[in-house]
Amino acid sequence: MNLQDCYFFNGTAYAGKSTLVHRLAEKYGGIECGENYHDAMLGGLDPQEFPYLTWSRDLQDWREFIRRSPEEYEAWIRGVSKECEILELKILKDLDPEGRKVFVDTNISLEMLRRIAKPGHVLIMLADPEISVRRFFERPDREKQFLYQLLMEEPEPEQAMENFRRCLQRINSRENYDLFLHSGFPVILRDESRSVEDTMALAEKLLEL
């Protein structure tokens, strides 16, 4: 597949990427590569080649996950992102869209997107970094609620929760936000007063769909 047929959506958590990718794929009869679409390949990964992705896949005691230091958590997230990029590129290159647009909620790095994406086919979506920390457990995701329960079962749940919040703050830093903001790609900032339809129209204008 020619990756120039893809429209890539990157940015921070809680910015609306998943919703927009879904709605645009639906409107244009395109292909939706939604959040974590690389998960389809997790089962067959070799731990030697993908140590970060397989670490959580093969984890026996999830208390190890919530007890990591912020430094350990950040290192893991960065490793996962690099491995996800490898899988995403493979999936997209093997995809046959049959002339349809492909909308991708992506982990692919800004540097790589500058190399592979057609001009005007990348959109950055950003939410205030504090939202990712403050609202992490508000979503009804099974995984997030599972982690919340584990934290509440710790001997000192308040300290456990505070440590986990520091982990989230580490990866949702203002520095990372600014890297996206000043990437050179078009940006949409989260606005609670703007409807999904208006956000979609703005994205279509920026991407010249």
C-alpha atoms as a PDB file:
ATOM      1  CA  MET A   1       0.000   0.000   0.000  1.00  0.00           C
ATOM      2  CA  ASN A   2       1.058   3.590  -0.666  1.00  0.00           C
ATOM      3  CA  LEU A   3       1.120   5.273   2.757  1.00  0.00           C
ATOM      4  CA  GLN A   4       0.260   8.567   1.105  1.00  0.00           C
ATOM      5  CA  ASP A   5      -3.334   7.344   1.001  1.00  0.00           C
ATOM      6  CA  CYS A   6      -3.400   7.522   4.824  1.00  0.00           C
ATOM      7  CA  TYR A   7      -4.589  10.329   7.056  1.00  0.00           C
ATOM      8  CA  PHE A   8      -2.726  10.241  10.378  1.00  0.00           C
ATOM      9  CA  PHE A   9      -4.037  11.549  13.716  1.00  0.00           C
ATOM     10  CA  ASN A  10      -1.523  11.930  16.532  1.00  0.00           C
ATOM     11  CA  GLY A  11      -1.377  13.953  19.736  1.00  0.00           C
ATOM     12  CA  THR A  12      -2.251  13.647  23.398  1.00  0.00           C
ATOM     13  CA  ALA A  13      -4.807  11.577  25.278  1.00  0.00           C
ATOM     14  CA  TYR A  14      -8.401  12.833  25.632  1.00  0.00           C
ATOM     15  CA  ALA A  15      -8.107  15.066  22.565  1.00  0.00           C
ATOM     16  CA  GLY A  16     -10.738  13.184  20.550  1.00  0.00           C
ATOM     17  CA  LYS A  17      -8.563  11.297  18.058  1.00  0.00           C
ATOM     18  CA  SER A  18     -10.451   7.996  18.300  1.00  0.00           C
ATOM     19  CA  THR A  19     -13.841   9.629  17.835  1.00  0.00           C
ATOM     20  CA  LEU A  20     -12.685  11.663  14.857  1.00  0.00           C
ATOM     21  CA  VAL A  21     -11.014   8.712  13.125  1.00  0.00           C
ATOM     22  CA  HIS A  22     -14.181   6.669  13.535  1.00  0.00           C
ATOM     23  CA  ARG A  23     -16.505   9.397  12.285  1.00  0.00           C
ATOM     24  CA  LEU A  24     -14.371  10.307   9.264  1.00  0.00           C
ATOM     25  CA  ALA A  25     -13.931   6.684   8.211  1.00  0.00           C
ATOM     26  CA  GLU A  26     -17.678   6.241   8.476  1.00  0.00           C
ATOM     27  CA  LYS A  27     -18.471   9.408   6.477  1.00  0.00           C
ATOM     28  CA  TYR A  28     -16.021   8.709   3.653  1.00  0.00           C
ATOM     29  CA  GLY A  29     -16.500   4.948   3.474  1.00  0.00           C
ATOM     30  CA  GLY A  30     -12.869   4.630   4.455  1.00  0.00           C
ATOM     31  CA  ILE A  31     -10.856   2.203   6.554  1.00  0.00           C
ATOM     32  CA  GLU A  32     -10.610   2.881  10.285  1.00  0.00           C
ATOM     33  CA  CYS A  33      -7.345   2.026  12.008  1.00  0.00           C
ATOM     34  CA  GLY A  34      -8.520   2.908  15.482  1.00  0.00           C
ATOM     35  CA  GLU A  35      -6.755   3.245  18.806  1.00  0.00           C
ATOM     36  CA  ASN A  36      -4.220   0.448  19.378  1.00  0.00           C
ATOM     37  CA  TYR A  37      -5.072  -1.268  16.092  1.00  0.00           C
ATOM     38  CA  HIS A  38      -1.698  -2.985  16.342  1.00  0.00           C
ATOM     39  CA  ASP A  39      -3.095  -5.142  19.184  1.00  0.00           C
ATOM     40  CA  ALA A  40      -4.144  -7.679  16.549  1.00  0.00           C
ATOM     41  CA  MET A  41      -0.471  -8.656  16.246  1.00  0.00           C
ATOM     42  CA  LEU A  42       0.377  -8.916  19.958  1.00  0.00           C
ATOM     43  CA  GLY A  43      -0.165 -12.651  20.275  1.00  0.00           C
ATOM     44  CA  GLY A  44       2.591 -13.587  17.866  1.00  0.00           C
ATOM     45  CA  LEU A  45       5.300 -11.206  19.045  1.00  0.00           C
ATOM     46  CA  ASP A  46       8.725 -12.481  20.083  1.00  0.00           C
ATOM     47  CA  PRO A  47       9.810 -11.117  23.515  1.00  0.00           C
ATOM     48  CA  GLN A  48      13.371 -10.786  22.252  1.00  0.00           C
ATOM     49  CA  GLU A  49      12.275  -8.513  19.414  1.00  0.00           C
ATOM     50  CA  PHE A  50       9.459  -6.664  21.218  1.00  0.00           C
ATOM     51  CA  PRO A  51      10.393  -6.638  24.926  1.00  0.00           C
ATOM     52  CA  TYR A  52       8.167  -3.700  25.884  1.00  0.00           C
ATOM     53  CA  LEU A  53       4.928  -4.816  24.248  1.00  0.00           C
ATOM     54  CA  THR A  54       5.355  -8.407  25.427  1.00  0.00           C
ATOM     55  CA  TRP A  55       6.191  -7.321  28.981  1.00  0.00           C
ATOM     56  CA  SER A  56       2.577  -6.355  29.638  1.00  0.00           C
ATOM     57  CA  ARG A  57       1.251  -9.146  27.408  1.00  0.00           C
ATOM     58  CA  ASP A  58       3.015 -11.800  29.487  1.00  0.00           C
ATOM     59  CA  LEU A  59       2.706 -10.116  32.882  1.00  0.00           C
ATOM     60  CA  GLN A  60       1.635 -12.560  35.596  1.00  0.00           C
ATOM     61  CA  ASP A  61       1.040 -10.121  38.453  1.00  0.00           C
ATOM     62  CA  TRP A  62      -0.382  -6.751  37.421  1.00  0.00           C
ATOM     63  CA  ARG A  63       0.684  -5.268  40.722  1.00  0.00           C
ATOM     64  CA  GLU A  64       4.108  -4.978  39.109  1.00  0.00           C
ATOM     65  CA  PHE A  65       2.526  -2.626  36.581  1.00  0.00           C
ATOM     66  CA  ILE A  66       1.103  -0.188  39.132  1.00  0.00           C
ATOM     67  CA  ARG A  67       4.119  -0.280  41.448  1.00  0.00           C
ATOM     68  CA  ARG A  68       6.655   1.023  38.933  1.00  0.00           C
ATOM     69  CA  SER A  69       8.380   4.340  39.494  1.00  0.00           C
ATOM     70  CA  PRO A  70       7.581   7.270  37.178  1.00  0.00           C
ATOM     71  CA  GLU A  71      11.004   6.799  35.565  1.00  0.00           C
ATOM     72  CA  GLU A  72      10.330   3.114  34.888  1.00  0.00           C
ATOM     73  CA  TYR A  73       6.861   3.897  33.557  1.00  0.00           C
ATOM     74  CA  GLU A  74       8.168   6.555  31.171  1.00  0.00           C
ATOM     75  CA  ALA A  75      10.897   4.241  29.858  1.00  0.00           C
ATOM     76  CA  TRP A  76       8.299   1.543  29.221  1.00  0.00           C
ATOM     77  CA  ILE A  77       5.931   3.934  27.432  1.00  0.00           C
ATOM     78  CA  ARG A  78       8.722   5.177  25.179  1.00  0.00           C
ATOM     79  CA  GLY A  79       9.749   1.615  24.381  1.00  0.00           C
ATOM     80  CA  VAL A  80       6.172   0.612  23.629  1.00  0.00           C
ATOM     81  CA  SER A  81       5.751   3.588  21.294  1.00  0.00           C
ATOM     82  CA  LYS A  82       8.802   2.617  19.254  1.00  0.00           C
ATOM     83  CA  GLU A  83       7.645  -0.982  18.976  1.00  0.00           C
ATOM     84  CA  CYS A  84       4.089   0.100  18.087  1.00  0.00           C
ATOM     85  CA  GLU A  85       5.497   2.184  15.243  1.00  0.00           C
ATOM     86  CA  ILE A  86       7.140  -0.912  13.751  1.00  0.00           C
ATOM     87  CA  LEU A  87       3.862  -2.848  13.898  1.00  0.00           C
ATOM     88  CA  GLU A  88       1.736   0.003  12.582  1.00  0.00           C
ATOM     89  CA  LEU A  89       3.961   0.550   9.571  1.00  0.00           C
ATOM     90  CA  LYS A  90       3.864  -3.149   8.762  1.00  0.00           C
ATOM     91  CA  ILE A  91       0.060  -3.283   9.046  1.00  0.00           C
ATOM     92  CA  LEU A  92      -0.398  -0.207   6.865  1.00  0.00           C
ATOM     93  CA  LYS A  93       2.064  -1.356   4.211  1.00  0.00           C
ATOM     94  CA  ASP A  94       0.262  -4.712   3.980  1.00  0.00           C
ATOM     95  CA  LEU A  95      -3.161  -3.078   3.792  1.00  0.00           C
ATOM     96  CA  ASP A  96      -5.106  -3.042   0.537  1.00  0.00           C
ATOM     97  CA  PRO A  97      -7.596  -0.141   0.795  1.00  0.00           C
ATOM     98  CA  GLU A  98      -8.949  -0.657  -2.735  1.00  0.00           C
ATOM     99  CA  GLY A  99      -8.983   3.064  -3.386  1.00  0.00           C
ATOM    100  CA  ARG A 100     -10.511   4.023  -0.045  1.00  0.00           C
ATOM    101  CA  LYS A 101      -9.110   6.592   2.373  1.00  0.00           C
ATOM    102  CA  VAL A 102      -7.418   5.196   5.488  1.00  0.00           C
ATOM    103  CA  PHE A 103      -7.820   7.067   8.790  1.00  0.00           C
ATOM    104  CA  VAL A 104      -5.203   6.197  11.401  1.00  0.00           C
ATOM    105  CA  ASP A 105      -5.161   6.872  15.150  1.00  0.00           C
ATOM    106  CA  THR A 106      -1.417   6.519  15.385  1.00  0.00           C
ATOM    107  CA  ASN A 107       1.606   6.056  17.647  1.00  0.00           C
ATOM    108  CA  ILE A 108       3.943   6.769  14.733  1.00  0.00           C
ATOM    109  CA  SER A 109       6.486   9.395  15.743  1.00  0.00           C
ATOM    110  CA  LEU A 110       6.484  12.950  14.426  1.00  0.00           C
ATOM    111  CA  GLU A 111       9.857  12.353  12.810  1.00  0.00           C
ATOM    112  CA  MET A 112       8.590   9.319  10.912  1.00  0.00           C
ATOM    113  CA  LEU A 113       5.361  11.052   9.903  1.00  0.00           C
ATOM    114  CA  ARG A 114       7.393  13.837   8.320  1.00  0.00           C
ATOM    115  CA  ARG A 115       9.076  11.203   6.182  1.00  0.00           C
ATOM    116  CA  ILE A 116       6.142   9.023   5.130  1.00  0.00           C
ATOM    117  CA  ALA A 117       2.982  11.127   5.136  1.00  0.00           C
ATOM    118  CA  LYS A 118       1.719  13.135   2.218  1.00  0.00           C
ATOM    119  CA  PRO A 119       1.648  16.892   2.953  1.00  0.00           C
ATOM    120  CA  GLY A 120      -1.665  17.789   4.552  1.00  0.00           C
ATOM    121  CA  HIS A 121      -2.354  14.230   5.712  1.00  0.00           C
ATOM    122  CA  VAL A 122      -1.317  14.624   9.365  1.00  0.00           C
ATOM    123  CA  LEU A 123      -3.412  16.235  12.081  1.00  0.00           C
ATOM    124  CA  ILE A 124      -2.302  16.807  15.676  1.00  0.00           C
ATOM    125  CA  MET A 125      -5.011  16.823  18.353  1.00  0.00           C
ATOM    126  CA  LEU A 126      -4.197  18.127  21.826  1.00  0.00           C
ATOM    127  CA  ALA A 127      -5.832  18.266  25.235  1.00  0.00           C
ATOM    128  CA  ASP A 128      -4.383  19.972  28.288  1.00  0.00           C
ATOM    129  CA  PRO A 129      -1.866  17.573  29.875  1.00  0.00           C
ATOM    130  CA  GLU A 130      -3.669  17.719  33.219  1.00  0.00           C
ATOM    131  CA  ILE A 131      -6.798  16.205  31.678  1.00  0.00           C
ATOM    132  CA  SER A 132      -4.961  12.943  31.011  1.00  0.00           C
ATOM    133  CA  VAL A 133      -4.053  12.714  34.682  1.00  0.00           C
ATOM    134  CA  ARG A 134      -7.233  14.047  36.241  1.00  0.00           C
ATOM    135  CA  ARG A 135      -9.661  12.061  34.094  1.00  0.00           C
ATOM    136  CA  PHE A 136      -7.713   8.835  33.570  1.00  0.00           C
ATOM    137  CA  PHE A 137     -10.129   6.712  35.584  1.00  0.00           C
ATOM    138  CA  GLU A 138     -13.314   8.454  34.424  1.00  0.00           C
ATOM    139  CA  ARG A 139     -13.576   6.347  31.291  1.00  0.00           C
ATOM    140  CA  PRO A 140     -15.440   3.058  31.727  1.00  0.00           C
ATOM    141  CA  ASP A 141     -12.664   1.118  29.951  1.00  0.00           C
ATOM    142  CA  ARG A 142     -12.325  -2.320  31.472  1.00  0.00           C
ATOM    143  CA  GLU A 143      -8.530  -1.962  31.623  1.00  0.00           C
ATOM    144  CA  LYS A 144      -8.632   1.368  33.464  1.00  0.00           C
ATOM    145  CA  GLN A 145     -11.166   0.123  35.986  1.00  0.00           C
ATOM    146  CA  PHE A 146      -9.062  -2.987  36.555  1.00  0.00           C
ATOM    147  CA  LEU A 147      -6.024  -0.826  37.340  1.00  0.00           C
ATOM    148  CA  TYR A 148      -8.113   1.381  39.634  1.00  0.00           C
ATOM    149  CA  GLN A 149      -9.247  -1.650  41.608  1.00  0.00           C
ATOM    150  CA  LEU A 150      -5.656  -2.849  41.949  1.00  0.00           C
ATOM    151  CA  LEU A 151      -4.576   0.536  43.275  1.00  0.00           C
ATOM    152  CA  MET A 152      -7.391   0.529  45.826  1.00  0.00           C
ATOM    153  CA  GLU A 153      -6.303  -2.927  47.009  1.00  0.00           C
ATOM    154  CA  GLU A 154      -2.744  -1.807  47.733  1.00  0.00           C
ATOM    155  CA  PRO A 155      -1.690  -1.677  51.435  1.00  0.00           C
ATOM    156  CA  GLU A 156      -1.541   2.134  51.168  1.00  0.00           C
ATOM    157  CA  PRO A 157      -3.953   3.009  48.339  1.00  0.00           C
ATOM    158  CA  GLU A 158      -3.520   6.775  48.582  1.00  0.00           C
ATOM    159  CA  GLN A 159       0.234   6.515  48.145  1.00  0.00           C
ATOM    160  CA  ALA A 160      -0.213   3.973  45.355  1.00  0.00           C
ATOM    161  CA  MET A 161      -2.610   6.309  43.537  1.00  0.00           C
ATOM    162  CA  GLU A 162      -0.267   9.270  43.975  1.00  0.00           C
ATOM    163  CA  ASN A 163       2.633   7.283  42.524  1.00  0.00           C
ATOM    164  CA  PHE A 164       0.505   6.251  39.536  1.00  0.00           C
ATOM    165  CA  ARG A 165      -0.552   9.842  38.960  1.00  0.00           C
ATOM    166  CA  ARG A 166       3.111  10.872  38.930  1.00  0.00           C
ATOM    167  CA  CYS A 167       3.661   8.212  36.269  1.00  0.00           C
ATOM    168  CA  LEU A 168       0.887   9.721  34.175  1.00  0.00           C
ATOM    169  CA  GLN A 169       2.235  13.229  34.692  1.00  0.00           C
ATOM    170  CA  ARG A 170       5.633  12.061  33.511  1.00  0.00           C
ATOM    171  CA  ILE A 171       4.355  10.975  30.092  1.00  0.00           C
ATOM    172  CA  ASN A 172       1.742  13.728  29.773  1.00  0.00           C
ATOM    173  CA  SER A 173       4.189  16.533  30.408  1.00  0.00           C
ATOM    174  CA  ARG A 174       4.010  20.066  29.086  1.00  0.00           C
ATOM    175  CA  GLU A 175       7.258  19.368  27.246  1.00  0.00           C
ATOM    176  CA  ASN A 176       5.666  16.531  25.248  1.00  0.00           C
ATOM    177  CA  TYR A 177       2.597  18.702  24.629  1.00  0.00           C
ATOM    178  CA  ASP A 178       4.796  21.491  23.241  1.00  0.00           C
ATOM    179  CA  LEU A 179       6.604  19.086  20.911  1.00  0.00           C
ATOM    180  CA  PHE A 180       3.259  18.261  19.311  1.00  0.00           C
ATOM    181  CA  LEU A 181       2.095  21.875  19.353  1.00  0.00           C
ATOM    182  CA  HIS A 182       5.173  23.111  17.509  1.00  0.00           C
ATOM    183  CA  SER A 183       5.593  20.100  15.217  1.00  0.00           C
ATOM    184  CA  GLY A 184       4.688  22.052  12.095  1.00  0.00           C
ATOM    185  CA  PHE A 185       1.573  19.946  11.488  1.00  0.00           C
ATOM    186  CA  PRO A 186      -1.964  21.403  11.721  1.00  0.00           C
ATOM    187  CA  VAL A 187      -3.284  21.334  15.292  1.00  0.00           C
ATOM    188  CA  ILE A 188      -6.745  21.097  16.840  1.00  0.00           C
ATOM    189  CA  LEU A 189      -6.976  21.974  20.541  1.00  0.00           C
ATOM    190  CA  ARG A 190      -9.642  20.330  22.691  1.00  0.00           C
ATOM    191  CA  ASP A 191     -12.576  22.685  23.244  1.00  0.00           C
ATOM    192  CA  GLU A 192     -15.418  21.499  25.469  1.00  0.00           C
ATOM    193  CA  SER A 193     -17.783  24.027  23.878  1.00  0.00           C
ATOM    194  CA  ARG A 194     -17.190  22.720  20.344  1.00  0.00           C
ATOM    195  CA  SER A 195     -19.368  19.871  19.092  1.00  0.00           C
ATOM    196  CA  VAL A 196     -18.026  16.704  17.504  1.00  0.00           C
ATOM    197  CA  GLU A 197     -19.572  17.824  14.229  1.00  0.00           C
ATOM    198  CA  ASP A 198     -17.752  21.175  14.368  1.00  0.00           C
ATOM    199  CA  THR A 199     -14.474  19.443  15.228  1.00  0.00           C
ATOM    200  CA  MET A 200     -14.998  17.115  12.302  1.00  0.00           C
ATOM    201  CA  ALA A 201     -15.641  20.031   9.939  1.00  0.00           C
ATOM    202  CA  LEU A 202     -12.494  21.767  11.188  1.00  0.00           C
ATOM    203  CA  ALA A 203     -10.442  18.594  10.639  1.00  0.00           C
ATOM    204  CA  GLU A 204     -11.825  18.224   7.109  1.00  0.00           C
ATOM    205  CA  LYS A 205     -10.827  21.804   6.344  1.00  0.00           C
ATOM    206  CA  LEU A 206      -7.295  21.374   7.737  1.00  0.00           C
ATOM    207  CA  LEU A 207      -6.822  18.098   5.880  1.00  0.00           C
ATOM    208  CA  GLU A 208      -8.533  19.380   2.728  1.00  0.00           C
ATOM    209  CA  LEU A 209     -10.817  16.346   2.593  1.00  0.00           C
END
